[in-house]
Amino acid sequence: MSSDTIRVVVVDDHPLVRTGLCTVLGATADIVVAATGANGADALRLVDEHRPAVLVLDVNLPDLSGMEVTRRLCSQAGAPAILILTVHNDSETLFSLLEAGAAGYVLKDDAAETLADAVRAVARGASWLSPQVARQVVHRALNAAPECPDPPCPLTPREMEVLRLLAQGLDNDAIAAHLTLTTRTVQNHVSAIYGKLGVASRAEAILYAIRHQLAPAP
């Protein structure tokens, strides 16, 4: 297995869905499914055992919910990027999962090839939102009441540049190339941005940037 191969754990309580997901991902040259599970306990155990880059996770599981699994994993160091795969596109579920730290949100009625693209995106540090979901995120950002941080902006000029590029959908490698920085430096800037803005994910950082007119709505 190449060092560039993306290791994935898939957790869904429906056997046919798991099989279908594994078939789609297994047809790619750069993604390997390391393990599959059927419930939240499986998700926590398999992530600990296999250390995947990405966890593809259903929301409705028979024990721990996908929400609780996301919260638990994102509170730990070295958590995988969590890609939610669900039939739900209601705002409450969507924003709760993004705020819990999910890196991406794919609807089960999206095209099959979307899944592999989404896995690649979150594995390299970008966010991925289905078009229906992305519209809700932008709508919420544009209609939220303006916030006035004190001081007006806690970010350094360089962190502001990184935040604007995040909002354009660039991953860490692309930001590094654009700003002539190392990827590690960009990762440090992103961590600093999260801490200063009090956010836990790229999606929340992008919401902040749009809401405060630091970046245009996509």
C-alpha atoms as a PDB file:
ATOM      1  CA  MET A   1       0.000   0.000   0.000  1.00  0.00           C
ATOM      2  CA  SER A   2       1.390   3.387  -1.025  1.00  0.00           C
ATOM      3  CA  SER A   3       2.060   6.058   1.577  1.00  0.00           C
ATOM      4  CA  ASP A   4      -0.412   8.197  -0.384  1.00  0.00           C
ATOM      5  CA  THR A   5      -3.207   5.672   0.083  1.00  0.00           C
ATOM      6  CA  ILE A   6      -6.092   6.985   2.193  1.00  0.00           C
ATOM      7  CA  ARG A   7      -7.136   4.549   4.916  1.00  0.00           C
ATOM      8  CA  VAL A   8     -10.862   4.649   5.637  1.00  0.00           C
ATOM      9  CA  VAL A   9     -13.156   3.071   8.218  1.00  0.00           C
ATOM     10  CA  VAL A  10     -16.830   2.783   7.213  1.00  0.00           C
ATOM     11  CA  VAL A  11     -19.568   2.576   9.856  1.00  0.00           C
ATOM     12  CA  ASP A  12     -23.226   2.080   8.915  1.00  0.00           C
ATOM     13  CA  ASP A  13     -25.797  -0.214  10.498  1.00  0.00           C
ATOM     14  CA  HIS A  14     -27.210  -1.418   7.162  1.00  0.00           C
ATOM     15  CA  PRO A  15     -25.172  -4.315   5.667  1.00  0.00           C
ATOM     16  CA  LEU A  16     -26.182  -3.518   2.082  1.00  0.00           C
ATOM     17  CA  VAL A  17     -25.170   0.119   2.505  1.00  0.00           C
ATOM     18  CA  ARG A  18     -21.790  -0.904   3.956  1.00  0.00           C
ATOM     19  CA  THR A  19     -21.230  -3.266   1.056  1.00  0.00           C
ATOM     20  CA  GLY A  20     -22.125  -0.560  -1.444  1.00  0.00           C
ATOM     21  CA  LEU A  21     -19.813   1.967   0.188  1.00  0.00           C
ATOM     22  CA  CYS A  22     -16.945  -0.493   0.204  1.00  0.00           C
ATOM     23  CA  THR A  23     -17.566  -1.297  -3.466  1.00  0.00           C
ATOM     24  CA  VAL A  24     -17.503   2.384  -4.443  1.00  0.00           C
ATOM     25  CA  LEU A  25     -14.385   3.172  -2.433  1.00  0.00           C
ATOM     26  CA  GLY A  26     -12.668  -0.083  -3.351  1.00  0.00           C
ATOM     27  CA  ALA A  27     -12.912   0.809  -7.031  1.00  0.00           C
ATOM     28  CA  THR A  28     -10.448   3.665  -6.510  1.00  0.00           C
ATOM     29  CA  ALA A  29      -6.676   3.315  -6.633  1.00  0.00           C
ATOM     30  CA  ASP A  30      -5.909   5.679  -3.766  1.00  0.00           C
ATOM     31  CA  ILE A  31      -8.465   4.672  -1.114  1.00  0.00           C
ATOM     32  CA  VAL A  32      -8.543   1.488   0.948  1.00  0.00           C
ATOM     33  CA  VAL A  33     -11.260   0.467   3.402  1.00  0.00           C
ATOM     34  CA  ALA A  34      -9.356  -0.760   6.448  1.00  0.00           C
ATOM     35  CA  ALA A  35     -12.429  -1.942   8.369  1.00  0.00           C
ATOM     36  CA  THR A  36     -16.213  -1.671   8.609  1.00  0.00           C
ATOM     37  CA  GLY A  37     -18.558  -1.476  11.571  1.00  0.00           C
ATOM     38  CA  ALA A  38     -22.258  -1.442  12.347  1.00  0.00           C
ATOM     39  CA  ASN A  39     -22.594   0.781  15.417  1.00  0.00           C
ATOM     40  CA  GLY A  40     -21.055   3.596  17.417  1.00  0.00           C
ATOM     41  CA  ALA A  41     -19.019   1.310  19.642  1.00  0.00           C
ATOM     42  CA  ASP A  42     -17.513  -0.236  16.507  1.00  0.00           C
ATOM     43  CA  ALA A  43     -16.611   3.232  15.247  1.00  0.00           C
ATOM     44  CA  LEU A  44     -14.690   4.147  18.397  1.00  0.00           C
ATOM     45  CA  ARG A  45     -12.946   0.769  18.550  1.00  0.00           C
ATOM     46  CA  LEU A  46     -12.018   0.598  14.868  1.00  0.00           C
ATOM     47  CA  VAL A  47     -10.646   4.144  14.816  1.00  0.00           C
ATOM     48  CA  ASP A  48      -8.448   3.253  17.788  1.00  0.00           C
ATOM     49  CA  GLU A  49      -7.278   0.007  16.153  1.00  0.00           C
ATOM     50  CA  HIS A  50      -6.742   1.177  12.559  1.00  0.00           C
ATOM     51  CA  ARG A  51      -5.992   4.915  12.888  1.00  0.00           C
ATOM     52  CA  PRO A  52      -7.711   5.783   9.585  1.00  0.00           C
ATOM     53  CA  ALA A  53      -7.354   9.128   7.877  1.00  0.00           C
ATOM     54  CA  VAL A  54     -11.131   9.263   7.365  1.00  0.00           C
ATOM     55  CA  LEU A  55     -14.128   7.825   9.183  1.00  0.00           C
ATOM     56  CA  VAL A  56     -17.230   7.542   6.983  1.00  0.00           C
ATOM     57  CA  LEU A  57     -20.027   7.607   9.543  1.00  0.00           C
ATOM     58  CA  ASP A  58     -23.792   7.221   9.444  1.00  0.00           C
ATOM     59  CA  VAL A  59     -25.830   9.398  11.829  1.00  0.00           C
ATOM     60  CA  ASN A  60     -28.433   6.860  12.950  1.00  0.00           C
ATOM     61  CA  LEU A  61     -26.691   4.007  14.734  1.00  0.00           C
ATOM     62  CA  PRO A  62     -28.273   1.498  17.134  1.00  0.00           C
ATOM     63  CA  ASP A  63     -26.207   2.432  20.207  1.00  0.00           C
ATOM     64  CA  LEU A  64     -24.190   5.667  20.171  1.00  0.00           C
ATOM     65  CA  SER A  65     -25.425   8.170  17.616  1.00  0.00           C
ATOM     66  CA  GLY A  66     -23.161   9.507  14.914  1.00  0.00           C
ATOM     67  CA  MET A  67     -23.373  12.825  16.743  1.00  0.00           C
ATOM     68  CA  GLU A  68     -21.990  11.342  19.961  1.00  0.00           C
ATOM     69  CA  VAL A  69     -19.257   9.445  18.116  1.00  0.00           C
ATOM     70  CA  THR A  70     -18.236  12.677  16.376  1.00  0.00           C
ATOM     71  CA  ARG A  71     -18.107  14.593  19.657  1.00  0.00           C
ATOM     72  CA  ARG A  72     -16.041  11.912  21.385  1.00  0.00           C
ATOM     73  CA  LEU A  73     -13.535  11.500  18.581  1.00  0.00           C
ATOM     74  CA  CYS A  74     -13.122  15.221  17.911  1.00  0.00           C
ATOM     75  CA  SER A  75     -12.303  15.806  21.581  1.00  0.00           C
ATOM     76  CA  GLN A  76      -9.237  13.575  21.199  1.00  0.00           C
ATOM     77  CA  ALA A  77      -5.878  14.323  19.645  1.00  0.00           C
ATOM     78  CA  GLY A  78      -5.200  12.630  16.328  1.00  0.00           C
ATOM     79  CA  ALA A  79      -8.871  12.121  15.442  1.00  0.00           C
ATOM     80  CA  PRO A  80      -9.624  11.147  11.841  1.00  0.00           C
ATOM     81  CA  ALA A  81     -11.513  13.465   9.525  1.00  0.00           C
ATOM     82  CA  ILE A  82     -15.160  12.526   9.973  1.00  0.00           C
ATOM     83  CA  LEU A  83     -17.305  12.372   6.854  1.00  0.00           C
ATOM     84  CA  ILE A  84     -20.991  12.119   7.665  1.00  0.00           C
ATOM     85  CA  LEU A  85     -23.063  10.045   5.248  1.00  0.00           C
ATOM     86  CA  THR A  86     -26.792  10.360   5.872  1.00  0.00           C
ATOM     87  CA  VAL A  87     -30.275  10.870   4.477  1.00  0.00           C
ATOM     88  CA  HIS A  88     -30.801  13.863   6.773  1.00  0.00           C
ATOM     89  CA  ASN A  89     -30.406  17.376   5.414  1.00  0.00           C
ATOM     90  CA  ASP A  90     -32.391  19.187   8.112  1.00  0.00           C
ATOM     91  CA  SER A  91     -30.660  22.202   9.585  1.00  0.00           C
ATOM     92  CA  GLU A  92     -30.640  20.995  13.189  1.00  0.00           C
ATOM     93  CA  THR A  93     -28.818  17.749  12.367  1.00  0.00           C
ATOM     94  CA  LEU A  94     -26.500  19.428   9.880  1.00  0.00           C
ATOM     95  CA  PHE A  95     -25.271  22.265  12.072  1.00  0.00           C
ATOM     96  CA  SER A  96     -25.032  20.142  15.207  1.00  0.00           C
ATOM     97  CA  LEU A  97     -22.699  17.732  13.411  1.00  0.00           C
ATOM     98  CA  LEU A  98     -20.597  20.492  11.863  1.00  0.00           C
ATOM     99  CA  GLU A  99     -20.309  22.211  15.231  1.00  0.00           C
ATOM    100  CA  ALA A 100     -19.296  18.888  16.791  1.00  0.00           C
ATOM    101  CA  GLY A 101     -16.362  18.775  14.385  1.00  0.00           C
ATOM    102  CA  ALA A 102     -17.471  16.814  11.317  1.00  0.00           C
ATOM    103  CA  ALA A 103     -15.298  17.674   8.302  1.00  0.00           C
ATOM    104  CA  GLY A 104     -17.823  16.787   5.626  1.00  0.00           C
ATOM    105  CA  TYR A 105     -21.473  15.986   5.032  1.00  0.00           C
ATOM    106  CA  VAL A 106     -22.616  13.798   2.137  1.00  0.00           C
ATOM    107  CA  LEU A 107     -26.226  12.884   1.445  1.00  0.00           C
ATOM    108  CA  LYS A 108     -26.965   9.283   0.530  1.00  0.00           C
ATOM    109  CA  ASP A 109     -28.798  10.351  -2.615  1.00  0.00           C
ATOM    110  CA  ASP A 110     -25.707  12.113  -3.990  1.00  0.00           C
ATOM    111  CA  ALA A 111     -23.969  10.506  -6.959  1.00  0.00           C
ATOM    112  CA  ALA A 112     -21.833   7.506  -5.999  1.00  0.00           C
ATOM    113  CA  GLU A 113     -18.608   9.055  -7.295  1.00  0.00           C
ATOM    114  CA  THR A 114     -19.163  11.962  -4.895  1.00  0.00           C
ATOM    115  CA  LEU A 115     -18.166   9.761  -1.971  1.00  0.00           C
ATOM    116  CA  ALA A 116     -14.604   9.160  -3.176  1.00  0.00           C
ATOM    117  CA  ASP A 117     -14.148  12.864  -3.941  1.00  0.00           C
ATOM    118  CA  ALA A 118     -15.439  13.738  -0.477  1.00  0.00           C
ATOM    119  CA  VAL A 119     -13.079  11.250   1.183  1.00  0.00           C
ATOM    120  CA  ARG A 120     -10.110  12.726  -0.681  1.00  0.00           C
ATOM    121  CA  ALA A 121     -11.111  16.267   0.257  1.00  0.00           C
ATOM    122  CA  VAL A 122     -11.465  15.703   3.997  1.00  0.00           C
ATOM    123  CA  ALA A 123      -8.336  13.527   4.072  1.00  0.00           C
ATOM    124  CA  ARG A 124      -6.236  16.443   2.821  1.00  0.00           C
ATOM    125  CA  GLY A 125      -7.757  18.844   5.345  1.00  0.00           C
ATOM    126  CA  ALA A 126     -10.504  20.462   3.298  1.00  0.00           C
ATOM    127  CA  SER A 127     -14.235  20.488   3.992  1.00  0.00           C
ATOM    128  CA  TRP A 128     -16.831  18.788   1.811  1.00  0.00           C
ATOM    129  CA  LEU A 129     -20.520  19.646   1.774  1.00  0.00           C
ATOM    130  CA  SER A 130     -23.218  18.314  -0.530  1.00  0.00           C
ATOM    131  CA  PRO A 131     -24.695  21.149  -2.637  1.00  0.00           C
ATOM    132  CA  GLN A 132     -27.998  21.120  -0.706  1.00  0.00           C
ATOM    133  CA  VAL A 133     -26.073  21.323   2.551  1.00  0.00           C
ATOM    134  CA  ALA A 134     -23.701  24.029   1.315  1.00  0.00           C
ATOM    135  CA  ARG A 135     -26.654  26.255   0.472  1.00  0.00           C
ATOM    136  CA  GLN A 136     -27.935  25.944   4.030  1.00  0.00           C
ATOM    137  CA  VAL A 137     -24.522  26.811   5.458  1.00  0.00           C
ATOM    138  CA  VAL A 138     -24.223  29.945   3.311  1.00  0.00           C
ATOM    139  CA  HIS A 139     -27.828  30.962   4.048  1.00  0.00           C
ATOM    140  CA  ARG A 140     -27.224  30.666   7.783  1.00  0.00           C
ATOM    141  CA  ALA A 141     -24.005  32.662   7.570  1.00  0.00           C
ATOM    142  CA  LEU A 142     -25.565  35.466   5.556  1.00  0.00           C
ATOM    143  CA  ASN A 143     -28.656  35.711   7.738  1.00  0.00           C
ATOM    144  CA  ALA A 144     -27.032  35.369  11.125  1.00  0.00           C
ATOM    145  CA  ALA A 145     -26.966  38.466  13.281  1.00  0.00           C
ATOM    146  CA  PRO A 146     -23.581  40.188  12.937  1.00  0.00           C
ATOM    147  CA  GLU A 147     -21.199  39.568  15.777  1.00  0.00           C
ATOM    148  CA  CYS A 148     -18.728  42.167  16.992  1.00  0.00           C
ATOM    149  CA  PRO A 149     -15.675  40.508  18.475  1.00  0.00           C
ATOM    150  CA  ASP A 150     -13.651  42.481  20.969  1.00  0.00           C
ATOM    151  CA  PRO A 151     -11.055  43.221  19.719  1.00  0.00           C
ATOM    152  CA  PRO A 152     -12.638  43.600  16.221  1.00  0.00           C
ATOM    153  CA  CYS A 153     -10.423  40.893  14.770  1.00  0.00           C
ATOM    154  CA  PRO A 154      -8.237  38.635  16.899  1.00  0.00           C
ATOM    155  CA  LEU A 155      -6.292  37.283  13.915  1.00  0.00           C
ATOM    156  CA  THR A 156      -2.900  38.351  12.613  1.00  0.00           C
ATOM    157  CA  PRO A 157      -2.687  39.535   8.982  1.00  0.00           C
ATOM    158  CA  ARG A 158      -1.230  36.171   7.942  1.00  0.00           C
ATOM    159  CA  GLU A 159      -3.995  34.276   9.746  1.00  0.00           C
ATOM    160  CA  MET A 160      -6.527  36.486   7.961  1.00  0.00           C
ATOM    161  CA  GLU A 161      -5.004  35.467   4.627  1.00  0.00           C
ATOM    162  CA  VAL A 162      -5.249  31.808   5.589  1.00  0.00           C
ATOM    163  CA  LEU A 163      -8.860  32.236   6.736  1.00  0.00           C
ATOM    164  CA  ARG A 164      -9.870  33.852   3.423  1.00  0.00           C
ATOM    165  CA  LEU A 165      -8.273  30.986   1.501  1.00  0.00           C
ATOM    166  CA  LEU A 166     -10.030  28.460   3.726  1.00  0.00           C
ATOM    167  CA  ALA A 167     -13.307  30.129   2.829  1.00  0.00           C
ATOM    168  CA  GLN A 168     -12.463  29.712  -0.866  1.00  0.00           C
ATOM    169  CA  GLY A 169     -12.287  25.951  -0.325  1.00  0.00           C
ATOM    170  CA  LEU A 170      -8.503  25.538  -0.554  1.00  0.00           C
ATOM    171  CA  ASP A 171      -6.908  22.704   1.381  1.00  0.00           C
ATOM    172  CA  ASN A 172      -3.721  23.094   3.432  1.00  0.00           C
ATOM    173  CA  ASP A 173      -1.400  22.121   0.582  1.00  0.00           C
ATOM    174  CA  ALA A 174      -3.016  24.610  -1.800  1.00  0.00           C
ATOM    175  CA  ILE A 175      -2.871  27.381   0.810  1.00  0.00           C
ATOM    176  CA  ALA A 176       0.801  26.616   1.411  1.00  0.00           C
ATOM    177  CA  ALA A 177       1.553  26.869  -2.313  1.00  0.00           C
ATOM    178  CA  HIS A 178      -0.446  30.089  -2.656  1.00  0.00           C
ATOM    179  CA  LEU A 179       1.313  31.790   0.274  1.00  0.00           C
ATOM    180  CA  THR A 180       4.732  30.157  -0.291  1.00  0.00           C
ATOM    181  CA  LEU A 181       4.677  28.485   3.115  1.00  0.00           C
ATOM    182  CA  THR A 182       5.203  24.929   4.285  1.00  0.00           C
ATOM    183  CA  THR A 183       2.126  22.801   4.852  1.00  0.00           C
ATOM    184  CA  ARG A 184       3.142  22.451   8.497  1.00  0.00           C
ATOM    185  CA  THR A 185       3.151  26.240   8.896  1.00  0.00           C
ATOM    186  CA  VAL A 186      -0.318  26.428   7.380  1.00  0.00           C
ATOM    187  CA  GLN A 187      -1.522  23.727   9.777  1.00  0.00           C
ATOM    188  CA  ASN A 188      -0.185  25.800  12.668  1.00  0.00           C
ATOM    189  CA  HIS A 189      -1.987  28.894  11.365  1.00  0.00           C
ATOM    190  CA  VAL A 190      -5.246  26.928  11.005  1.00  0.00           C
ATOM    191  CA  SER A 191      -4.938  25.654  14.593  1.00  0.00           C
ATOM    192  CA  ALA A 192      -4.318  29.213  15.794  1.00  0.00           C
ATOM    193  CA  ILE A 193      -7.369  30.450  13.869  1.00  0.00           C
ATOM    194  CA  TYR A 194      -9.576  27.795  15.454  1.00  0.00           C
ATOM    195  CA  GLY A 195      -8.346  28.740  18.917  1.00  0.00           C
ATOM    196  CA  LYS A 196      -8.725  32.502  18.488  1.00  0.00           C
ATOM    197  CA  LEU A 197     -12.170  32.289  16.876  1.00  0.00           C
ATOM    198  CA  GLY A 198     -13.433  29.598  19.231  1.00  0.00           C
ATOM    199  CA  VAL A 199     -14.340  27.228  16.414  1.00  0.00           C
ATOM    200  CA  ALA A 200     -13.701  23.516  16.049  1.00  0.00           C
ATOM    201  CA  SER A 201     -13.835  22.887  12.317  1.00  0.00           C
ATOM    202  CA  ARG A 202     -13.223  24.339   8.872  1.00  0.00           C
ATOM    203  CA  ALA A 203     -16.960  24.715   8.345  1.00  0.00           C
ATOM    204  CA  GLU A 204     -17.275  26.915  11.435  1.00  0.00           C
ATOM    205  CA  ALA A 205     -14.244  28.971  10.399  1.00  0.00           C
ATOM    206  CA  ILE A 206     -15.786  29.498   6.953  1.00  0.00           C
ATOM    207  CA  LEU A 207     -19.079  30.556   8.550  1.00  0.00           C
ATOM    208  CA  TYR A 208     -17.175  33.120  10.597  1.00  0.00           C
ATOM    209  CA  ALA A 209     -15.368  34.471   7.552  1.00  0.00           C
ATOM    210  CA  ILE A 210     -18.594  34.877   5.557  1.00  0.00           C
ATOM    211  CA  ARG A 211     -20.589  36.313   8.464  1.00  0.00           C
ATOM    212  CA  HIS A 212     -17.951  38.953   9.168  1.00  0.00           C
ATOM    213  CA  GLN A 213     -17.472  39.764   5.481  1.00  0.00           C
ATOM    214  CA  LEU A 214     -13.873  38.597   5.532  1.00  0.00           C
ATOM    215  CA  ALA A 215     -14.598  36.423   2.501  1.00  0.00           C
ATOM    216  CA  PRO A 216     -17.347  36.387  -0.137  1.00  0.00           C
ATOM    217  CA  ALA A 217     -20.077  33.766   0.029  1.00  0.00           C
ATOM    218  CA  PRO A 218     -19.362  30.938  -2.414  1.00  0.00           C
END
